């Protein structure tokens, strides 16, 4: 139990550090992988009109979205 608790505490600390890092950068300039641009291009080919600035769950459940 002590090892598991220590691991969980360390994982939480790392998560906080990474969250603070990605929260402090404007998303326009945030790059998580070397292929971010390629992933986004492919995403846009598939979901041309999907607004990602505001996601409405009901829009995603609609018949055209399916």
C-alpha atoms as a PDB file:
ATOM      1  CA  UNK A   1       0.000   0.000   0.000  1.00  0.00           C
ATOM      2  CA  UNK A   2       2.796   2.462   0.761  1.00  0.00           C
ATOM      3  CA  UNK A   3       4.440   1.929  -2.618  1.00  0.00           C
ATOM      4  CA  UNK A   4       1.126   2.401  -4.409  1.00  0.00           C
ATOM      5  CA  UNK A   5       0.407   5.580  -2.455  1.00  0.00           C
ATOM      6  CA  UNK A   6       3.883   6.953  -3.165  1.00  0.00           C
ATOM      7  CA  UNK A   7       3.470   6.156  -6.867  1.00  0.00           C
ATOM      8  CA  UNK A   8       0.058   7.844  -6.964  1.00  0.00           C
ATOM      9  CA  UNK A   9       1.413  10.954  -5.271  1.00  0.00           C
ATOM     10  CA  UNK A  10       4.334  11.134  -7.714  1.00  0.00           C
ATOM     11  CA  UNK A  11       2.013  10.631 -10.688  1.00  0.00           C
ATOM     12  CA  UNK A  12      -0.221  13.439  -9.400  1.00  0.00           C
ATOM     13  CA  UNK A  13       2.763  15.771  -9.057  1.00  0.00           C
ATOM     14  CA  UNK A  14       3.884  15.018 -12.619  1.00  0.00           C
ATOM     15  CA  UNK A  15       0.352  15.560 -13.918  1.00  0.00           C
ATOM     16  CA  UNK A  16       0.198  18.952 -12.206  1.00  0.00           C
ATOM     17  CA  UNK A  17       3.524  20.009 -13.735  1.00  0.00           C
ATOM     18  CA  UNK A  18       2.475  18.981 -17.249  1.00  0.00           C
ATOM     19  CA  UNK A  19      -0.944  20.596 -16.868  1.00  0.00           C
ATOM     20  CA  UNK A  20       0.699  23.846 -15.777  1.00  0.00           C
ATOM     21  CA  UNK A  21       3.060  23.686 -18.757  1.00  0.00           C
ATOM     22  CA  UNK A  22       0.366  23.137 -21.370  1.00  0.00           C
ATOM     23  CA  UNK A  23      -1.938  25.664 -19.694  1.00  0.00           C
ATOM     24  CA  UNK A  24       0.681  28.391 -19.820  1.00  0.00           C
ATOM     25  CA  UNK A  25       1.162  28.237 -23.597  1.00  0.00           C
ATOM     26  CA  UNK A  26      -1.219  29.643 -26.190  1.00  0.00           C
ATOM     27  CA  UNK A  27      -2.656  26.558 -27.966  1.00  0.00           C
ATOM     28  CA  UNK A  28      -1.658  28.067 -31.328  1.00  0.00           C
ATOM     29  CA  UNK A  29       1.970  27.594 -30.357  1.00  0.00           C
ATOM     30  CA  UNK A  30       1.642  24.317 -28.460  1.00  0.00           C
ATOM     31  CA  UNK A  31       3.231  21.320 -30.116  1.00  0.00           C
ATOM     32  CA  UNK A  32       2.965  17.984 -28.319  1.00  0.00           C
ATOM     33  CA  UNK A  33       4.434  15.735 -31.001  1.00  0.00           C
ATOM     34  CA  UNK A  34       6.524  16.049 -34.145  1.00  0.00           C
ATOM     35  CA  UNK A  35       3.521  15.161 -36.286  1.00  0.00           C
ATOM     36  CA  UNK A  36       0.898  17.513 -34.800  1.00  0.00           C
ATOM     37  CA  UNK A  37       0.416  19.352 -38.098  1.00  0.00           C
ATOM     38  CA  UNK A  38      -0.064  16.094 -40.013  1.00  0.00           C
ATOM     39  CA  UNK A  39      -2.574  14.826 -37.431  1.00  0.00           C
ATOM     40  CA  UNK A  40      -4.541  18.071 -37.702  1.00  0.00           C
ATOM     41  CA  UNK A  41      -4.521  17.954 -41.525  1.00  0.00           C
ATOM     42  CA  UNK A  42      -5.937  14.426 -41.478  1.00  0.00           C
ATOM     43  CA  UNK A  43      -8.490  15.421 -38.836  1.00  0.00           C
ATOM     44  CA  UNK A  44      -9.661  18.329 -41.003  1.00  0.00           C
ATOM     45  CA  UNK A  45      -9.956  16.100 -44.082  1.00  0.00           C
ATOM     46  CA  UNK A  46     -12.376  13.897 -42.176  1.00  0.00           C
ATOM     47  CA  UNK A  47     -14.176  16.580 -40.171  1.00  0.00           C
ATOM     48  CA  UNK A  48     -14.113  19.615 -42.462  1.00  0.00           C
ATOM     49  CA  UNK A  49     -16.909  21.596 -40.811  1.00  0.00           C
ATOM     50  CA  UNK A  50     -16.566  20.529 -37.188  1.00  0.00           C
ATOM     51  CA  UNK A  51     -16.152  23.517 -34.928  1.00  0.00           C
ATOM     52  CA  UNK A  52     -13.582  22.625 -32.303  1.00  0.00           C
ATOM     53  CA  UNK A  53     -13.708  25.935 -30.453  1.00  0.00           C
ATOM     54  CA  UNK A  54     -17.094  25.039 -28.942  1.00  0.00           C
ATOM     55  CA  UNK A  55     -18.265  21.434 -28.883  1.00  0.00           C
ATOM     56  CA  UNK A  56     -21.946  20.776 -28.271  1.00  0.00           C
ATOM     57  CA  UNK A  57     -22.674  17.147 -27.342  1.00  0.00           C
ATOM     58  CA  UNK A  58     -26.077  17.361 -29.019  1.00  0.00           C
ATOM     59  CA  UNK A  59     -24.462  18.383 -32.313  1.00  0.00           C
ATOM     60  CA  UNK A  60     -22.174  15.382 -32.105  1.00  0.00           C
ATOM     61  CA  UNK A  61     -25.164  13.083 -31.544  1.00  0.00           C
ATOM     62  CA  UNK A  62     -27.109  14.463 -34.507  1.00  0.00           C
ATOM     63  CA  UNK A  63     -27.815  12.298 -37.562  1.00  0.00           C
ATOM     64  CA  UNK A  64     -25.543  14.314 -39.930  1.00  0.00           C
ATOM     65  CA  UNK A  65     -22.684  14.076 -37.417  1.00  0.00           C
ATOM     66  CA  UNK A  66     -22.965  10.307 -37.301  1.00  0.00           C
END
